[in-house]
Amino acid sequence: MKKILVTGGCGYIGSHTIVDLVQNGFDVVCADNYSRSNEAMLKGVEKIIGKKIKSYKVDLCNYDDTFAIFQENPDINGIIHFAAYKAVGESVAQPLMYFENNLYSLINILKCTEEFKVPHFVFSSSCTVYGNPDAIPVTEDTPQKPAESPYGATKQMGEQIVADTVKSGSLKAILLRYFNPVGAHPSINIGELPIGKPANLVPAITQTAIGKLPMMNVFGFDYDTRDGSCIRDYIHVCDIAHAHTLALLYLIAEKNSTNCEVFNLGTGDGYTVLEAIAAFEKVSGVKLNYQLSPRRPGDVVAIYANNNKAKNQLGWIPMLNLTDMMGTAWKWELKMKTEENLFK
């Protein structure tokens, strides 16, 4: 049972990944400062896996506190680094906060990998590194355009920091570029838990449908797409989570051809915002109250993945479709309504 440190482990993708890691035989240590997450997620994880997870409440921007985790766990064999702020709109409004948090935490973690000779590292990246691509679907070799937001810029910089770090030591790394994770665990014990008004599409849909929000805005209705709204590649969070387990197994088995490899994580299908809304309405039976609004700063027009590399090299195959995504997301929203005290 190799020990894996999951930073941001009480967050959306982090919590689902802890479940997948444990179910595949890994021992997991969690680190999270709960600034954008909730300890209830860890309880949900433990309910699914039937065991306690060692967890540290730590701000990874504090090097001494980060170092202390490794001192207490010198046998950490791999790290999956999720901990970061991720709201595009907020990053446009508060860029310095994003650069400070997302980059300082990464640098501190990488310093510890060198100090404690941790061999394996998986970095949570994003399709935002591609900017507005000239052609879609994007492959891992698609030229990167300037990021459309400071959040995207921190992912571009983060990838470069990791790539440069592995050149100087024995660390092996994988950069996973997510497209749009949505949905919840089939047990409905964990799911997406936005802080404040949701910045992502699916929680905005479910919160509007259940009445938390009076109306939802569809930002942009005059893009050069099928119906004028943005196109995204939506992928179930459990499929994303399993890719992290496969990435670690790939590194541990020494299948990597270079010290830093990149993989896209998307279904390969692009849906417009309006198509996603229609899919939700069909699954839930709820008619959504939304309005068409002007474009939002920082949004990319259209992007979806070519995922052949992840399929061929990691053996990763997305198993859940848009109906599964919307169905589990809606069940999770309903659960939060009935157990609202747990998620405050």
Protein backbone atom coordinates (compact mmCIF):
# COMPACT_ATOMS: atom_id res chain seq x y z
CA MET A 1 0.00 0.00 0.00
CA LYS A 2 1.93 3.00 -1.24
CA LYS A 3 1.17 6.22 0.60
CA ILE A 4 -0.16 9.10 -1.50
CA LEU A 5 -0.57 12.71 -0.35
CA VAL A 6 -3.66 14.34 -1.86
CA THR A 7 -3.63 18.12 -1.49
CA GLY A 8 -7.01 19.79 -1.69
CA GLY A 9 -8.41 16.40 -0.77
CA CYS A 10 -11.64 17.81 0.65
CA GLY A 11 -12.41 19.59 -2.60
CA TYR A 12 -14.60 18.35 -5.41
CA ILE A 13 -12.19 16.30 -7.52
CA GLY A 14 -9.85 15.62 -4.61
CA SER A 15 -12.51 13.86 -2.53
CA HIS A 16 -13.58 11.63 -5.43
CA THR A 17 -9.95 10.81 -6.16
CA ILE A 18 -9.30 9.74 -2.56
CA VAL A 19 -12.17 7.26 -2.90
CA ASP A 20 -10.75 5.87 -6.14
CA LEU A 21 -7.22 5.62 -4.73
CA VAL A 22 -8.32 3.74 -1.61
CA GLN A 23 -10.51 1.41 -3.65
CA ASN A 24 -7.42 0.61 -5.75
CA GLY A 25 -5.19 -0.25 -2.81
CA PHE A 26 -3.45 3.03 -1.96
CA ASP A 27 -2.98 4.52 1.50
CA VAL A 28 -4.00 8.18 1.44
CA VAL A 29 -3.07 11.27 3.44
CA CYS A 30 -5.19 14.38 2.87
CA ALA A 31 -4.17 18.04 3.19
CA ASP A 32 -6.66 20.91 2.90
CA ASN A 33 -7.13 24.32 4.50
CA TYR A 34 -10.94 24.28 3.94
CA SER A 35 -10.88 27.77 2.40
CA ARG A 36 -12.78 26.46 -0.65
CA SER A 37 -13.96 23.11 0.68
CA ASN A 38 -15.84 21.50 3.53
CA GLU A 39 -14.84 18.84 6.06
CA ALA A 40 -18.19 17.17 5.33
CA MET A 41 -16.61 15.90 2.11
CA LEU A 42 -14.05 13.93 4.08
CA LYS A 43 -16.84 12.38 6.16
CA GLY A 44 -18.60 11.44 2.93
CA VAL A 45 -15.41 9.85 1.63
CA GLU A 46 -15.02 7.84 4.82
CA LYS A 47 -18.63 6.68 4.58
CA ILE A 48 -17.99 5.34 1.08
CA ILE A 49 -14.70 3.58 1.81
CA GLY A 50 -15.51 2.45 5.36
CA LYS A 51 -12.33 3.75 6.98
CA LYS A 52 -10.78 6.93 8.39
CA ILE A 53 -8.43 9.10 6.34
CA LYS A 54 -5.47 10.81 7.96
CA SER A 55 -6.05 14.49 7.29
CA TYR A 56 -4.17 17.73 7.96
CA LYS A 57 -5.68 21.20 8.04
CA VAL A 58 -2.81 23.08 6.43
CA ASP A 59 -2.30 26.16 4.27
CA LEU A 60 0.25 24.95 1.73
CA CYS A 61 1.40 28.53 1.17
CA ASN A 62 3.04 28.15 4.60
CA TYR A 63 6.21 26.18 3.94
CA ASP A 64 6.91 25.13 7.54
CA ASP A 65 3.42 23.68 7.97
CA THR A 66 3.70 21.91 4.64
CA PHE A 67 7.11 20.53 5.57
CA ALA A 68 5.66 19.15 8.82
CA ILE A 69 3.29 16.85 6.86
CA PHE A 70 6.26 15.19 5.20
CA GLN A 71 8.18 14.95 8.47
CA GLU A 72 5.30 12.97 9.95
CA ASN A 73 4.89 10.89 6.77
CA PRO A 74 8.40 10.28 5.40
CA ASP A 75 7.12 7.29 3.39
CA ILE A 76 4.98 9.37 1.01
CA ASN A 77 5.48 7.75 -2.40
CA GLY A 78 3.44 10.09 -4.54
CA ILE A 79 1.57 13.39 -4.53
CA ILE A 80 -1.57 14.46 -6.34
CA HIS A 81 -1.71 18.23 -6.15
CA PHE A 82 -5.22 19.66 -6.44
CA ALA A 83 -5.02 22.53 -3.95
CA ALA A 84 -5.72 25.75 -5.87
CA TYR A 85 -8.33 28.43 -6.39
CA LYS A 86 -10.25 27.71 -9.58
CA ALA A 87 -12.95 30.28 -10.36
CA VAL A 88 -12.28 32.01 -13.69
CA GLY A 89 -14.36 35.11 -12.92
CA GLU A 90 -12.88 35.55 -9.46
CA SER A 91 -9.38 35.27 -10.90
CA VAL A 92 -10.15 38.12 -13.31
CA ALA A 93 -11.29 40.25 -10.37
CA GLN A 94 -8.47 39.23 -7.99
CA PRO A 95 -5.48 38.12 -10.07
CA LEU A 96 -2.80 38.60 -7.41
CA MET A 97 -4.67 36.38 -4.97
CA TYR A 98 -4.69 33.63 -7.59
CA PHE A 99 -1.02 33.96 -8.50
CA GLU A 100 0.00 33.95 -4.84
CA ASN A 101 -2.15 31.01 -3.72
CA ASN A 102 -1.84 28.73 -6.73
CA LEU A 103 1.87 29.17 -7.33
CA TYR A 104 3.24 29.46 -3.76
CA SER A 105 1.45 26.27 -2.72
CA LEU A 106 2.83 24.40 -5.74
CA ILE A 107 6.37 25.61 -5.13
CA ASN A 108 6.25 24.59 -1.46
CA ILE A 109 5.01 21.11 -2.33
CA LEU A 110 7.74 20.69 -4.95
CA LYS A 111 10.40 21.80 -2.46
CA CYS A 112 9.22 19.02 -0.18
CA THR A 113 9.34 16.44 -2.97
CA GLU A 114 13.02 17.28 -3.37
CA GLU A 115 13.77 17.31 0.36
CA PHE A 116 12.03 13.97 1.01
CA LYS A 117 12.83 12.38 -2.38
CA VAL A 118 9.20 11.72 -3.32
CA PRO A 119 9.36 9.96 -6.72
CA HIS A 120 5.91 10.55 -8.24
CA PHE A 121 3.87 13.72 -8.81
CA VAL A 122 0.53 14.32 -10.54
CA PHE A 123 -0.47 17.92 -11.21
CA SER A 124 -4.07 19.05 -11.53
CA SER A 125 -4.06 21.21 -14.65
CA SER A 126 -6.80 22.45 -16.94
CA CYS A 127 -7.87 22.85 -20.54
CA THR A 128 -7.66 26.61 -19.88
CA VAL A 129 -3.93 26.30 -20.73
CA TYR A 130 -4.94 26.14 -24.41
CA GLY A 131 -6.59 29.57 -24.36
CA ASN A 132 -8.83 30.04 -27.42
CA PRO A 133 -7.44 27.29 -29.70
CA ASP A 134 -7.37 27.65 -33.48
CA ALA A 135 -8.77 24.15 -33.99
CA ILE A 136 -10.74 21.63 -31.94
CA PRO A 137 -10.61 18.99 -30.60
CA VAL A 138 -7.35 19.89 -28.91
CA THR A 139 -4.52 17.40 -28.49
CA GLU A 140 -1.73 17.58 -25.94
CA ASP A 141 0.43 19.14 -28.67
CA THR A 142 -2.03 21.91 -29.56
CA PRO A 143 -0.13 25.22 -29.31
CA GLN A 144 -1.06 27.17 -26.22
CA LYS A 145 -2.53 30.62 -26.72
CA PRO A 146 -2.41 33.34 -24.05
CA ALA A 147 -4.62 32.32 -21.15
CA GLU A 148 -8.03 33.97 -21.09
CA SER A 149 -7.90 34.43 -17.30
CA PRO A 150 -5.38 34.66 -14.45
CA TYR A 151 -6.62 31.23 -13.32
CA GLY A 152 -5.62 29.79 -16.69
CA ALA A 153 -2.30 31.60 -16.46
CA THR A 154 -1.55 29.95 -13.10
CA LYS A 155 -2.10 26.56 -14.71
CA GLN A 156 0.21 27.42 -17.61
CA MET A 157 2.84 28.64 -15.14
CA GLY A 158 2.27 25.66 -12.87
CA GLU A 159 2.89 23.24 -15.72
CA GLN A 160 6.12 25.04 -16.58
CA ILE A 161 7.27 24.99 -12.94
CA VAL A 162 6.69 21.23 -12.75
CA ALA A 163 8.35 20.59 -16.12
CA ASP A 164 11.44 22.57 -15.11
CA THR A 165 11.61 20.97 -11.66
CA VAL A 166 11.72 17.40 -12.98
CA LYS A 167 14.71 18.26 -15.17
CA SER A 168 16.91 18.76 -12.12
CA GLY A 169 16.17 15.63 -10.09
CA SER A 170 14.61 12.17 -9.96
CA LEU A 171 10.96 13.29 -9.72
CA LYS A 172 8.60 11.88 -12.38
CA ALA A 173 5.48 13.91 -13.13
CA ILE A 174 2.22 13.79 -15.05
CA LEU A 175 0.19 16.86 -15.93
CA LEU A 176 -3.54 16.12 -16.26
CA ARG A 177 -5.50 18.70 -18.22
CA TYR A 178 -9.15 18.46 -17.21
CA PHE A 179 -11.97 19.69 -19.28
CA ASN A 180 -15.23 20.23 -17.31
CA PRO A 181 -15.76 17.82 -14.40
CA VAL A 182 -19.40 17.49 -13.36
CA GLY A 183 -21.71 15.11 -11.50
CA ALA A 184 -21.38 13.37 -8.13
CA HIS A 185 -20.35 9.98 -6.76
CA PRO A 186 -23.07 7.35 -7.46
CA SER A 187 -23.47 6.86 -3.69
CA ILE A 188 -24.41 10.58 -3.47
CA ASN A 189 -22.19 10.86 -0.38
CA ILE A 190 -19.86 13.38 -2.05
CA GLY A 191 -20.29 15.88 -4.86
CA GLU A 192 -19.60 19.46 -5.91
CA LEU A 193 -19.97 22.00 -3.10
CA PRO A 194 -19.57 25.55 -4.43
CA ILE A 195 -18.73 28.29 -1.96
CA GLY A 196 -21.11 31.20 -2.49
CA LYS A 197 -22.66 31.71 -5.90
CA PRO A 198 -21.46 28.93 -8.22
CA ALA A 199 -19.06 29.87 -11.01
CA ASN A 200 -19.43 26.57 -12.87
CA LEU A 201 -22.36 25.63 -15.10
CA VAL A 202 -23.81 22.48 -13.56
CA PRO A 203 -24.09 23.66 -9.93
CA ALA A 204 -25.61 26.88 -11.29
CA ILE A 205 -28.16 24.73 -13.12
CA THR A 206 -29.00 22.55 -10.10
CA GLN A 207 -29.16 25.47 -7.67
CA THR A 208 -31.54 27.31 -9.99
CA ALA A 209 -33.68 24.21 -10.44
CA ILE A 210 -34.02 23.68 -6.70
CA GLY A 211 -34.70 27.36 -5.96
CA LYS A 212 -31.45 28.47 -4.33
CA LEU A 213 -30.99 30.85 -7.24
CA PRO A 214 -33.96 32.70 -8.76
CA MET A 215 -32.57 32.61 -12.28
CA MET A 216 -29.51 31.41 -14.16
CA ASN A 217 -27.53 33.43 -16.67
CA VAL A 218 -26.28 31.86 -19.89
CA PHE A 219 -23.24 34.02 -20.56
CA GLY A 220 -22.93 34.63 -24.29
CA PHE A 221 -25.55 33.91 -26.93
CA ASP A 222 -23.79 35.28 -30.03
CA TYR A 223 -20.74 33.01 -30.27
CA ASP A 224 -20.00 31.25 -33.56
CA THR A 225 -21.40 27.92 -32.32
CA ARG A 226 -24.45 25.75 -33.07
CA ASP A 227 -26.79 27.82 -30.89
CA GLY A 228 -24.66 30.84 -29.97
CA SER A 229 -23.62 29.57 -26.51
CA CYS A 230 -20.17 28.32 -25.45
CA ILE A 231 -19.11 24.73 -26.16
CA ARG A 232 -17.49 22.62 -23.43
CA ASP A 233 -16.42 19.02 -22.88
CA TYR A 234 -18.25 17.80 -19.76
CA ILE A 235 -16.87 14.72 -18.01
CA HIS A 236 -18.05 12.85 -14.93
CA VAL A 237 -15.94 13.54 -11.86
CA CYS A 238 -15.58 9.80 -11.13
CA ASP A 239 -13.99 9.29 -14.55
CA ILE A 240 -11.62 12.19 -13.82
CA ALA A 241 -10.80 10.70 -10.40
CA HIS A 242 -9.93 7.29 -11.82
CA ALA A 243 -7.50 8.89 -14.27
CA HIS A 244 -5.39 10.04 -11.30
CA THR A 245 -5.11 6.48 -10.01
CA LEU A 246 -4.12 5.30 -13.48
CA ALA A 247 -1.56 8.11 -13.75
CA LEU A 248 0.11 7.03 -10.50
CA LEU A 249 0.12 3.37 -11.55
CA TYR A 250 1.66 4.43 -14.87
CA LEU A 251 4.49 6.25 -13.08
CA ILE A 252 5.03 3.49 -10.51
CA ALA A 253 5.29 0.91 -13.31
CA GLU A 254 7.86 3.20 -15.02
CA LYS A 255 5.88 3.30 -18.25
CA ASN A 256 6.65 6.99 -18.76
CA SER A 257 8.97 7.82 -21.65
CA THR A 258 9.93 11.23 -20.24
CA ASN A 259 10.09 12.73 -16.75
CA CYS A 260 7.06 14.92 -17.45
CA GLU A 261 4.11 13.74 -19.55
CA VAL A 262 0.81 15.45 -20.37
CA PHE A 263 -2.66 13.95 -20.82
CA ASN A 264 -6.02 15.46 -21.75
CA LEU A 265 -8.99 14.29 -19.67
CA GLY A 266 -12.20 14.84 -21.57
CA THR A 267 -14.87 12.75 -23.28
CA GLY A 268 -14.02 14.08 -26.72
CA ASP A 269 -17.55 15.43 -27.17
CA GLY A 270 -18.48 19.09 -27.09
CA TYR A 271 -21.86 20.30 -25.82
CA THR A 272 -23.16 23.84 -25.84
CA VAL A 273 -24.43 25.43 -22.63
CA LEU A 274 -27.98 25.29 -23.99
CA GLU A 275 -27.59 21.60 -24.87
CA ALA A 276 -26.38 20.89 -21.32
CA ILE A 277 -29.43 22.69 -19.94
CA ALA A 278 -31.72 20.63 -22.17
CA ALA A 279 -30.06 17.40 -20.96
CA PHE A 280 -30.62 18.44 -17.34
CA GLU A 281 -34.27 19.30 -17.98
CA LYS A 282 -34.83 15.89 -19.55
CA VAL A 283 -33.21 13.99 -16.66
CA SER A 284 -34.78 15.99 -13.83
CA GLY A 285 -38.15 16.85 -15.31
CA VAL A 286 -37.61 20.43 -14.11
CA LYS A 287 -37.95 23.40 -16.47
CA LEU A 288 -35.04 25.72 -15.81
CA ASN A 289 -35.47 29.46 -15.37
CA TYR A 290 -32.62 31.07 -17.31
CA GLN A 291 -31.87 34.14 -19.37
CA LEU A 292 -29.41 34.88 -22.15
CA SER A 293 -26.81 37.39 -20.95
CA PRO A 294 -23.75 39.15 -22.39
CA ARG A 295 -20.45 37.34 -22.67
CA ARG A 296 -18.42 36.89 -19.47
CA PRO A 297 -14.75 38.03 -19.30
CA GLY A 298 -12.30 35.11 -19.33
CA ASP A 299 -14.54 32.58 -21.07
CA VAL A 300 -13.17 30.53 -23.97
CA VAL A 301 -15.58 30.21 -26.93
CA ALA A 302 -15.33 26.48 -27.62
CA ILE A 303 -13.06 23.65 -26.50
CA TYR A 304 -13.19 19.89 -26.24
CA ALA A 305 -10.62 17.14 -26.03
CA ASN A 306 -8.89 14.62 -28.18
CA ASN A 307 -8.37 11.97 -25.47
CA ASN A 308 -6.62 9.29 -27.53
CA LYS A 309 -3.33 9.61 -25.64
CA ALA A 310 -4.95 8.98 -22.24
CA LYS A 311 -6.89 6.04 -23.66
CA ASN A 312 -3.88 4.45 -25.34
CA GLN A 313 -1.21 5.04 -22.70
CA LEU A 314 -3.06 5.19 -19.40
CA GLY A 315 -5.83 2.78 -20.40
CA TRP A 316 -8.36 5.41 -19.37
CA ILE A 317 -11.87 5.16 -20.80
CA PRO A 318 -14.65 7.52 -19.65
CA MET A 319 -17.57 5.34 -18.56
CA LEU A 320 -20.31 7.86 -17.70
CA ASN A 321 -22.31 10.00 -20.14
CA LEU A 322 -24.03 13.39 -19.96
CA THR A 323 -27.21 11.79 -18.60
CA ASP A 324 -25.20 10.20 -15.75
CA MET A 325 -23.53 13.53 -15.06
CA MET A 326 -26.75 15.50 -14.83
CA GLY A 327 -28.58 12.76 -12.96
CA THR A 328 -26.01 12.41 -10.18
CA ALA A 329 -25.57 16.19 -9.96
CA TRP A 330 -29.33 16.60 -9.43
CA LYS A 331 -29.48 13.83 -6.81
CA TRP A 332 -26.58 15.50 -4.99
CA GLU A 333 -28.40 18.85 -5.00
CA LEU A 334 -31.50 17.18 -3.58
CA LYS A 335 -29.41 15.53 -0.86
CA MET A 336 -27.87 18.87 0.12
CA LYS A 337 -31.33 20.32 0.51
CA THR A 338 -32.44 17.56 2.88
CA GLU A 339 -29.16 17.65 4.85
CA GLU A 340 -28.36 21.35 4.57
CA ASN A 341 -26.97 21.65 8.11
CA LEU A 342 -24.19 19.22 7.18
CA PHE A 343 -22.92 21.40 4.35
CA LYS A 344 -22.90 24.85 5.97
